[in-house]
Protein backbone atom coordinates (compact mmCIF):
# COMPACT_ATOMS: atom_id res chain seq x y z
CA MET A 1 5.36 -17.16 10.81
CA VAL A 2 5.71 -14.68 7.98
CA ASP A 3 8.50 -15.65 5.57
CA SER A 4 10.63 -13.50 3.25
CA ASN A 5 8.21 -13.89 0.34
CA GLY A 6 5.23 -12.75 2.43
CA ASN A 7 3.53 -16.06 3.08
CA ASN A 8 1.27 -15.77 6.16
CA LEU A 9 1.00 -12.03 5.58
CA ALA A 10 -2.10 -10.28 4.24
CA PHE A 11 -2.71 -6.63 3.46
CA LEU A 12 -6.20 -5.19 3.85
CA LEU A 13 -6.17 -2.35 1.32
CA CYS A 14 -8.72 0.38 0.64
CA THR A 15 -9.12 4.13 0.77
CA PRO A 16 -9.81 5.57 4.25
CA ARG A 17 -13.46 5.41 5.37
CA SER A 18 -14.20 2.28 3.30
CA GLY A 19 -15.05 0.04 6.26
CA SER A 20 -11.63 -1.42 7.05
CA SER A 21 -12.11 -0.99 10.80
CA LEU A 22 -15.24 -3.14 10.67
CA ALA A 23 -13.53 -5.81 8.56
CA THR A 24 -10.51 -5.87 10.87
CA VAL A 25 -12.46 -6.08 14.13
CA MET A 26 -14.11 -9.24 12.77
CA LEU A 27 -10.98 -10.82 11.28
CA GLN A 28 -9.00 -10.37 14.49
CA ASN A 29 -11.50 -12.64 16.25
CA HIS A 30 -10.06 -15.59 14.31
CA SER A 31 -7.73 -17.63 16.51
CA LYS A 32 -5.06 -17.91 13.79
CA MET A 33 -5.03 -14.22 12.78
CA PHE A 34 -3.31 -11.21 14.28
CA ALA A 35 -5.04 -8.01 13.19
CA THR A 36 -5.09 -4.67 14.94
CA GLN A 37 -5.76 -1.07 14.03
CA GLU A 38 -3.67 0.62 11.36
CA MET A 39 0.05 -0.18 11.35
CA TRP A 40 1.39 2.20 8.67
CA PHE A 41 5.04 1.40 9.47
CA LEU A 42 5.94 0.30 5.93
CA MET A 43 5.32 3.92 4.93
CA SER A 44 8.00 5.02 7.40
CA LEU A 45 10.47 2.57 5.86
CA TYR A 46 9.59 3.73 2.36
CA ASP A 47 10.02 7.37 3.38
CA LEU A 48 13.60 6.84 4.49
CA ARG A 49 14.56 7.60 0.89
CA SER A 50 12.89 11.02 1.17
CA PRO A 51 14.39 12.26 4.45
CA GLN A 52 12.68 15.10 6.27
CA ARG A 53 14.33 17.95 8.14
CA ARG A 54 15.63 16.90 11.55
CA ALA A 55 17.03 18.88 14.48
CA TYR A 56 20.44 17.27 13.93
CA GLY A 57 20.49 18.33 10.25
CA GLY A 58 22.00 16.20 7.50
CA THR A 59 18.93 16.05 5.23
CA GLY A 60 21.09 16.30 2.10
CA ILE A 61 23.58 13.74 3.42
CA LEU A 62 20.81 11.25 4.19
CA SER A 63 19.25 11.78 0.78
CA GLN A 64 22.59 11.18 -0.90
CA PHE A 65 23.15 8.03 1.16
CA TYR A 66 19.75 6.48 0.44
CA ASN A 67 19.53 7.60 -3.18
CA GLY A 68 23.15 7.77 -4.26
CA ILE A 69 25.12 5.20 -2.26
CA LEU A 70 22.82 2.50 -0.91
CA PRO A 71 21.76 0.07 -3.68
CA GLN A 72 18.02 -0.40 -4.17
CA GLU A 73 18.28 -4.15 -3.54
CA THR A 74 20.11 -3.58 -0.25
CA PHE A 75 17.53 -1.02 0.87
CA GLU A 76 14.71 -3.47 0.08
CA ASP A 77 16.51 -6.30 1.90
CA ALA A 78 16.97 -4.15 4.99
CA SER A 79 13.33 -2.99 4.90
CA ARG A 80 12.14 -6.56 4.49
CA ALA A 81 14.26 -7.70 7.43
CA PHE A 82 12.81 -4.98 9.68
CA ALA A 83 9.25 -5.74 8.59
CA LEU A 84 9.71 -9.48 9.17
CA GLN A 85 11.02 -8.82 12.66
CA ALA A 86 8.01 -6.60 13.39
CA TYR A 87 5.37 -8.92 11.93
CA ASN A 88 6.77 -12.07 13.54
CA GLY A 89 7.22 -10.30 16.85
CA LEU A 90 3.52 -9.45 16.76
CA LEU A 91 2.67 -13.08 16.02
CA GLN A 92 4.76 -14.25 18.97
CA SER A 93 2.85 -11.88 21.25
CA SER A 94 -0.48 -13.38 20.17
CA ALA A 95 -0.80 -16.98 21.31
CA GLY A 96 -1.85 -19.30 18.49
CA ALA A 97 -1.82 -16.69 15.72
CA GLU A 98 -0.10 -17.71 12.49
CA LEU A 99 -1.08 -14.99 10.03
CA VAL A 100 -0.75 -11.19 10.18
CA ILE A 101 -3.36 -8.82 8.73
CA ASP A 102 -1.80 -5.42 8.05
CA LYS A 103 -4.69 -2.99 7.64
CA SER A 104 -3.26 0.31 6.45
CA PRO A 105 -5.55 2.20 4.03
CA ARG A 106 -2.91 4.64 2.77
CA TYR A 107 -0.65 1.87 1.51
CA TYR A 108 -1.75 3.00 -1.95
CA TYR A 109 1.23 5.27 -1.40
CA LEU A 110 3.73 2.39 -1.74
CA LEU A 111 2.23 -0.44 -3.79
CA GLU A 112 5.41 -0.99 -5.83
CA PHE A 113 7.45 -1.19 -2.62
CA LEU A 114 4.96 -3.61 -1.07
CA ASP A 115 5.23 -5.96 -4.07
CA ALA A 116 9.03 -5.81 -4.06
CA LEU A 117 9.20 -6.71 -0.36
CA PHE A 118 6.53 -9.42 -0.15
CA PRO A 119 5.53 -10.76 -3.59
CA GLN A 120 3.54 -13.69 -2.19
CA SER A 121 1.58 -11.78 0.43
CA LYS A 122 -2.20 -11.84 0.09
CA ARG A 123 -3.96 -8.58 -0.82
CA ILE A 124 -7.61 -7.94 0.04
CA TRP A 125 -9.22 -4.94 -1.64
CA LEU A 126 -12.14 -3.68 0.44
CA ILE A 127 -14.39 -1.84 -2.04
CA ARG A 128 -17.17 0.55 -1.07
CA ASN A 129 -19.48 2.82 -3.03
CA PRO A 130 -17.34 5.97 -3.52
CA PHE A 131 -20.29 8.22 -2.64
CA ALA A 132 -20.64 6.38 0.69
CA VAL A 133 -16.90 6.78 1.33
CA LEU A 134 -17.23 10.51 0.75
CA ALA A 135 -20.26 10.66 3.07
CA SER A 136 -18.38 8.77 5.79
CA ASN A 137 -15.56 11.32 5.60
CA LYS A 138 -18.07 14.14 6.02
CA LYS A 139 -19.86 12.39 8.90
CA VAL A 140 -16.66 11.65 10.85
CA ASN A 141 -15.36 15.18 10.35
CA LYS A 142 -18.60 16.56 11.75
CA GLN A 143 -18.44 14.19 14.71
CA ARG A 144 -14.89 15.40 15.45
CA GLY A 145 -15.90 19.04 15.17
CA ALA A 146 -14.12 19.65 11.88
CA GLY A 147 -15.76 20.94 8.74
CA PHE A 148 -15.65 19.23 5.38
CA ASP A 149 -16.06 21.46 2.37
CA LEU A 150 -15.77 19.12 -0.61
CA ALA A 151 -16.52 21.82 -3.16
CA GLY A 152 -13.85 24.10 -1.76
CA SER A 153 -11.26 21.39 -1.11
CA LEU A 154 -11.69 19.55 -4.39
CA ARG A 155 -11.00 22.63 -6.49
CA HIS A 156 -8.65 24.43 -4.11
CA PRO A 157 -5.11 24.68 -5.50
CA ASP A 158 -3.49 23.67 -2.18
CA PHE A 159 -2.67 20.05 -1.34
CA ASP A 160 -5.18 18.19 0.85
CA MET A 161 -4.45 14.61 1.96
CA LYS A 162 -8.11 13.61 2.27
CA ILE A 163 -8.77 14.80 -1.27
CA ALA A 164 -5.76 12.75 -2.37
CA ASP A 165 -7.35 9.70 -0.68
CA LEU A 166 -10.65 10.28 -2.49
CA THR A 167 -9.01 10.70 -5.89
CA VAL A 168 -5.42 9.46 -6.23
CA GLY A 169 -5.86 6.68 -3.68
CA LEU A 170 -9.00 5.28 -5.27
CA PHE A 171 -7.51 5.20 -8.75
CA ARG A 172 -4.24 3.68 -7.52
CA TYR A 173 -6.16 0.74 -6.05
CA TYR A 174 -8.43 0.60 -9.10
CA HIS A 175 -5.46 0.07 -11.40
CA TYR A 176 -3.56 -2.14 -8.95
CA PHE A 177 -6.41 -4.68 -8.71
CA ALA A 178 -7.46 -4.39 -12.36
CA GLY A 179 -6.55 -7.94 -13.39
CA ASP A 180 -7.20 -11.40 -12.00
CA ASN A 181 -4.47 -12.56 -9.63
CA PRO A 182 -4.32 -15.54 -7.24
CA TYR A 183 -2.89 -13.26 -4.55
CA ALA A 184 -5.77 -10.77 -4.75
CA HIS A 185 -9.32 -10.87 -3.39
CA ARG A 186 -12.11 -8.32 -3.78
CA LEU A 187 -14.37 -7.77 -0.79
CA HIS A 188 -17.35 -5.43 -1.15
CA TYR A 189 -18.37 -3.56 1.98
CA GLU A 190 -22.07 -3.76 1.11
CA LYS A 191 -21.90 -7.56 0.88
CA LEU A 192 -19.84 -7.79 4.06
CA VAL A 193 -22.51 -6.02 6.15
CA ALA A 194 -25.40 -7.83 4.43
CA GLU A 195 -24.00 -11.36 4.67
CA PRO A 196 -20.96 -11.24 7.00
CA ARG A 197 -20.69 -14.99 7.59
CA THR A 198 -20.63 -15.80 3.87
CA GLN A 199 -18.12 -13.06 3.07
CA LEU A 200 -15.84 -13.92 5.99
CA THR A 201 -15.91 -17.57 4.93
CA GLU A 202 -14.65 -16.54 1.48
CA VAL A 203 -11.96 -14.32 2.96
CA CYS A 204 -10.77 -17.10 5.27
CA ARG A 205 -10.64 -19.53 2.34
CA PHE A 206 -8.58 -17.01 0.37
CA LEU A 207 -6.19 -16.70 3.33
CA GLY A 208 -5.80 -20.47 3.53
CA THR A 209 -7.76 -21.13 6.70
CA ALA A 210 -11.33 -21.93 7.76
CA TYR A 211 -14.06 -19.63 9.04
CA GLU A 212 -14.53 -19.76 12.80
CA GLU A 213 -17.99 -19.58 14.32
CA GLY A 214 -19.02 -16.17 15.59
CA MET A 215 -16.24 -14.07 14.02
CA GLU A 216 -18.77 -11.51 12.85
CA THR A 217 -20.33 -10.92 16.28
CA TYR A 218 -17.41 -8.86 17.50
CA GLY A 219 -19.40 -7.51 20.44
CA ASN A 220 -18.99 -10.92 22.11
CA TYR A 221 -15.19 -10.43 22.16
CA MET A 222 -15.12 -6.94 23.70
CA ASN A 223 -13.28 -8.01 26.86
CA SER A 224 -10.70 -10.21 25.15
CA ALA A 225 -7.00 -9.33 24.93
CA LYS A 226 -7.20 -8.98 21.15
CA SER A 227 -10.19 -6.66 21.31
CA ASP A 228 -8.60 -4.54 24.05
CA LEU A 229 -5.47 -4.14 21.91
CA TYR A 230 -7.56 -3.26 18.86
CA PHE A 231 -9.59 -0.51 20.53
CA SER A 232 -6.68 0.81 22.62
CA MET A 233 -5.11 2.54 19.61
CA GLY A 234 -8.03 4.95 19.27
CA VAL A 235 -7.85 5.23 15.49
CA GLY A 236 -10.10 4.00 12.71
CA ASP A 237 -13.88 4.24 12.65
CA PRO A 238 -15.18 5.81 15.91
CA PHE A 239 -18.63 4.29 15.31
CA VAL A 240 -17.63 0.59 15.19
CA ALA A 241 -17.88 0.15 18.96
CA ASN A 242 -21.49 1.40 18.89
CA HIS A 243 -22.61 -1.98 17.54
CA LYS A 244 -21.97 -5.63 18.33
CA GLU A 245 -22.13 -6.93 14.77
CA PRO A 246 -22.30 -5.57 11.21
CA ASN A 247 -25.36 -3.59 10.23
CA GLN A 248 -26.54 -1.99 7.00
CA GLU A 249 -27.36 1.46 8.38
CA SER A 250 -24.48 3.13 6.54
CA VAL A 251 -24.98 1.55 3.09
CA HIS A 252 -27.29 4.31 1.86
CA ILE A 253 -25.98 7.05 4.12
CA TRP A 254 -24.62 9.04 1.20
CA LYS A 255 -28.10 10.05 0.02
CA ASP A 256 -28.82 11.73 3.37
CA VAL A 257 -25.39 13.12 4.26
CA LEU A 258 -24.27 14.53 0.89
CA ASP A 259 -25.97 17.44 -0.83
CA LYS A 260 -26.59 17.52 -4.59
CA ARG A 261 -23.62 19.76 -5.24
CA GLU A 262 -21.23 17.34 -3.51
CA ILE A 263 -22.64 14.34 -5.36
CA GLU A 264 -22.31 16.12 -8.69
CA LEU A 265 -18.76 17.33 -8.06
CA TYR A 266 -17.49 13.93 -6.95
CA GLY A 267 -19.35 12.11 -9.71
CA ARG A 268 -17.83 14.39 -12.34
CA THR A 269 -14.38 13.95 -10.80
CA LEU A 270 -14.42 10.14 -10.82
CA GLY A 271 -16.42 9.61 -14.00
CA ALA A 272 -19.07 6.95 -14.59
CA ARG A 273 -16.79 4.12 -15.69
CA ILE A 274 -15.23 3.42 -12.30
CA PHE A 275 -18.67 3.15 -10.66
CA ARG A 276 -19.86 0.64 -13.25
CA GLU A 277 -16.71 -1.45 -13.17
CA LEU A 278 -16.70 -1.62 -9.37
CA GLY A 279 -20.31 -2.82 -9.34
CA TYR A 280 -22.10 0.43 -8.47
CA ALA A 281 -24.07 1.07 -11.65
CA GLY A 282 -27.30 1.28 -9.62
CA GLU A 283 -25.85 3.87 -7.23
CA LEU A 284 -24.51 5.83 -10.21
CA GLU A 285 -27.99 5.91 -11.73
CA GLU A 286 -29.45 7.13 -8.42
CA ALA A 287 -26.82 9.87 -8.21
CA GLU A 288 -27.57 11.03 -11.74
CA LYS A 289 -31.29 11.17 -10.94
CA LEU A 290 -30.70 13.10 -7.72
CA THR A 291 -28.47 15.69 -9.41
CA GLY A 292 -30.13 15.77 -12.83
CA VAL A 293 -26.65 15.35 -14.36
CA ARG A 294 -25.32 12.58 -16.57
CA PHE A 295 -21.67 12.07 -15.66
CA GLU A 296 -19.00 11.68 -18.31
CA HIS A 297 -17.68 8.15 -18.79
CA GLU A 298 -14.06 9.06 -18.00
CA PRO A 299 -12.74 10.91 -14.91
CA ASP A 300 -11.54 14.48 -14.74
CA THR A 301 -7.99 13.58 -15.81
CA GLU A 302 -6.67 17.09 -15.34
CA LEU A 303 -7.79 17.22 -11.71
CA ILE A 304 -6.54 13.68 -10.96
CA ALA A 305 -3.18 14.55 -12.53
CA LEU A 306 -2.94 17.71 -10.40
CA ARG A 307 -3.66 15.83 -7.16
CA THR A 308 -1.17 13.11 -8.11
CA LYS A 309 1.49 15.73 -8.80
CA GLN A 310 0.78 17.47 -5.50
CA LEU A 311 1.05 14.23 -3.53
CA ALA A 312 4.33 13.38 -5.26
CA GLU A 313 5.73 16.83 -4.49
CA ALA A 314 4.57 16.70 -0.86
CA THR A 315 6.10 13.27 -0.24
CA GLY A 316 9.00 13.07 -2.69
CA CYS A 317 7.77 9.73 -4.03
CA ARG A 318 7.21 8.68 -7.63
CA TRP A 319 4.95 5.94 -8.95
CA GLU A 320 4.54 3.88 -12.07
CA GLU A 321 1.48 5.15 -13.91
CA GLY A 322 -1.33 2.57 -14.04
CA TYR A 323 0.67 0.20 -11.82
CA THR A 324 -0.85 -3.28 -11.44
CA LEU A 325 -0.23 -5.94 -8.81
CA LYS A 326 2.94 -7.98 -9.33
CA SER A 327 3.13 -11.12 -7.23
CA ALA A 328 5.48 -13.52 -9.01
CA ALA A 329 7.54 -15.58 -6.61
CA ASP A 330 11.18 -14.61 -6.31
CA PRO A 331 13.09 -17.64 -7.65
CA GLY A 332 16.26 -16.56 -5.89
CA ARG A 333 14.83 -17.05 -2.39
CA GLY A 334 15.42 -20.53 -1.11
CA SER A 335 16.59 -22.00 -4.43
CA ALA A 336 20.14 -22.54 -5.66
CA PRO A 337 21.20 -21.01 -8.99
CA ALA A 338 22.70 -23.13 -11.72
CA GLU A 339 26.15 -21.53 -11.55
CA THR A 340 28.35 -21.72 -8.47
CA ALA A 341 27.46 -19.50 -5.55
CA GLU A 342 30.94 -17.95 -5.57
CA ALA A 343 30.68 -16.91 -9.23
CA SER A 344 27.14 -15.60 -8.82
CA ASN A 345 27.98 -13.66 -5.68
CA GLY A 346 31.04 -12.14 -7.28
CA ARG A 347 29.13 -10.97 -10.34
CA HIS A 348 26.25 -9.69 -8.27
CA ALA A 349 28.60 -7.77 -5.98
CA GLU A 350 30.30 -6.26 -9.02
CA THR A 351 26.90 -5.23 -10.38
CA LEU A 352 26.03 -3.52 -7.11
CA ARG A 353 29.33 -1.64 -7.11
CA LEU A 354 28.70 -0.54 -10.68
CA GLN A 355 25.20 0.61 -9.75
CA MET A 356 26.67 2.70 -6.96
CA THR A 357 29.17 4.16 -9.42
CA ALA A 358 26.33 4.95 -11.85
CA ARG A 359 24.37 6.77 -9.12
CA ALA A 360 27.45 8.77 -8.15
CA LEU A 361 27.96 9.76 -11.79
CA GLU A 362 24.33 10.80 -12.05
CA LYS A 363 24.77 13.02 -9.01
CA ARG A 364 27.88 14.63 -10.49
CA LEU A 365 25.99 15.28 -13.70
CA GLU A 366 23.31 17.07 -11.69
CA LEU A 367 25.84 19.25 -9.85
CA GLY A 368 27.74 20.75 -12.74
CA ALA A 369 28.14 21.07 -16.47
CA MET A 370 31.93 21.21 -16.79
CA GLU A 371 32.52 17.54 -17.58
CA GLN A 372 29.06 16.46 -18.63
CA GLN A 373 30.05 14.88 -21.93
CA ARG A 374 32.83 12.80 -20.43
CA LEU A 375 30.75 11.81 -17.43
CA LYS A 376 27.77 10.91 -19.60
CA ALA A 377 29.94 8.64 -21.73
CA GLN A 378 31.30 6.98 -18.59
CA LEU A 379 27.77 6.58 -17.22
CA ASP A 380 26.51 5.01 -20.46
CA ALA A 381 29.39 2.54 -20.47
CA THR A 382 28.75 1.59 -16.85
CA SER A 383 25.03 1.14 -17.50
CA ARG A 384 25.74 -1.17 -20.43
CA LYS A 385 28.02 -3.28 -18.27
CA ILE A 386 25.34 -3.47 -15.55
CA ASN A 387 22.77 -4.68 -18.08
CA ARG A 388 25.16 -7.36 -19.37
CA LEU A 389 25.79 -8.60 -15.84
CA LYS A 390 22.10 -8.55 -14.98
CA SER A 391 21.38 -10.87 -17.89
CA LEU A 392 23.81 -13.41 -16.40
CA VAL A 393 22.95 -13.20 -12.71
CA PRO A 394 19.69 -14.50 -11.19
CA PHE A 395 18.68 -11.74 -8.80
CA GLY A 396 17.04 -12.77 -5.53
CA SER A 397 16.90 -12.11 -1.86
CA ARG A 398 19.60 -14.65 -1.04
CA LEU A 399 22.04 -13.23 -3.56
CA SER A 400 21.23 -9.67 -2.59
CA SER A 401 21.91 -10.48 1.06
CA LEU A 402 25.18 -12.19 0.24
CA ALA A 403 26.23 -9.34 -2.03
CA SER A 404 25.35 -6.79 0.63
CA ALA A 405 27.48 -8.70 3.13
CA TYR A 406 30.30 -8.81 0.57
CA LEU A 407 30.17 -5.05 0.06
CA THR A 408 30.25 -4.33 3.77
CA GLY A 409 33.22 -6.64 4.29
CA GLY A 410 31.32 -9.48 5.88
CA GLY A 411 31.06 -11.85 2.93
CA GLY A 412 34.34 -11.62 1.08
CA LYS A 413 37.05 -14.23 1.29
CA LYS A 414 39.97 -13.46 3.54
């Protein structure tokens, strides 16, 4: 079962069209793993704090509730509780499975949230040659009867989610997995299709289990319950079902599918450094020979910044620049603090009340200028008190839950 720290939970992370469907259809053949097509539901939880227009109205009220009244810790506790119920419900529906693989490529959207909810979850970064990812996008769009004009879309001032994937998404994962971390594993698509057994053995070891014979020959499992569930969703790579096991046909597809203009534009956008650091120096050299252009070492920072700004404006979310994976265990979960529970809970509850007061003051400061000086002084004093209390109270899931119960009237003494 998945626990509150994220043990027995793994996230398969990558930009769309990186080969995650292929990786998932092989992993779900393992008797101890539950893996299906894309889940995405953590994004819905995260987006509660940026409410959209609804027929019943109340967008402003909901925004004020989530961002002005509900403490961050309480929101994360509630989101974690929902996710645990979902993940463990899926495990119960799959006989013998003990570990959930959540394959959701656009989770680059919420990496900070993911780390806050499940700090001990395993993260697998599926890496693929960026030119091949671009080519796969173009190929799938053509197969679905939709055009793909990279030159027009990349430079067009309007927001485009696929362009965000190819730029913002790639760099978010690039920074997130920049350092060594025991909770992170890098899996290269090219190695996976060339030597699937070896790569799956390493992935299984990372996940704390053993490779099972025949995982890679997913065609042999086509009539199983797991496989039926996987393909029933109808999302992901439409070409996976055309084969029974991994093949290397798509490794060099970019040289046939992309024209020189597209290769040059994307190479200039990403810069040479990311290709070299991800292990694609050879492909970079081929691209430079094909186009006759030597790409700058660094990316087009102005374009990346524009796409990041557009995604933030379209979604209402904000990220920490250059954010890297944080996976430290939460000492408050399952361990007793040194001071008495009653004292800790009381201080933590007071801190949460003060945080709510601080948010309310911030809102009032936004709404008018009449009492700004007095309100700002009150806000500063409240913030200082919060910081003093935070230095005394060990924050954790257990305390947050108790404090939340206290605030709602369920945890206080009668």
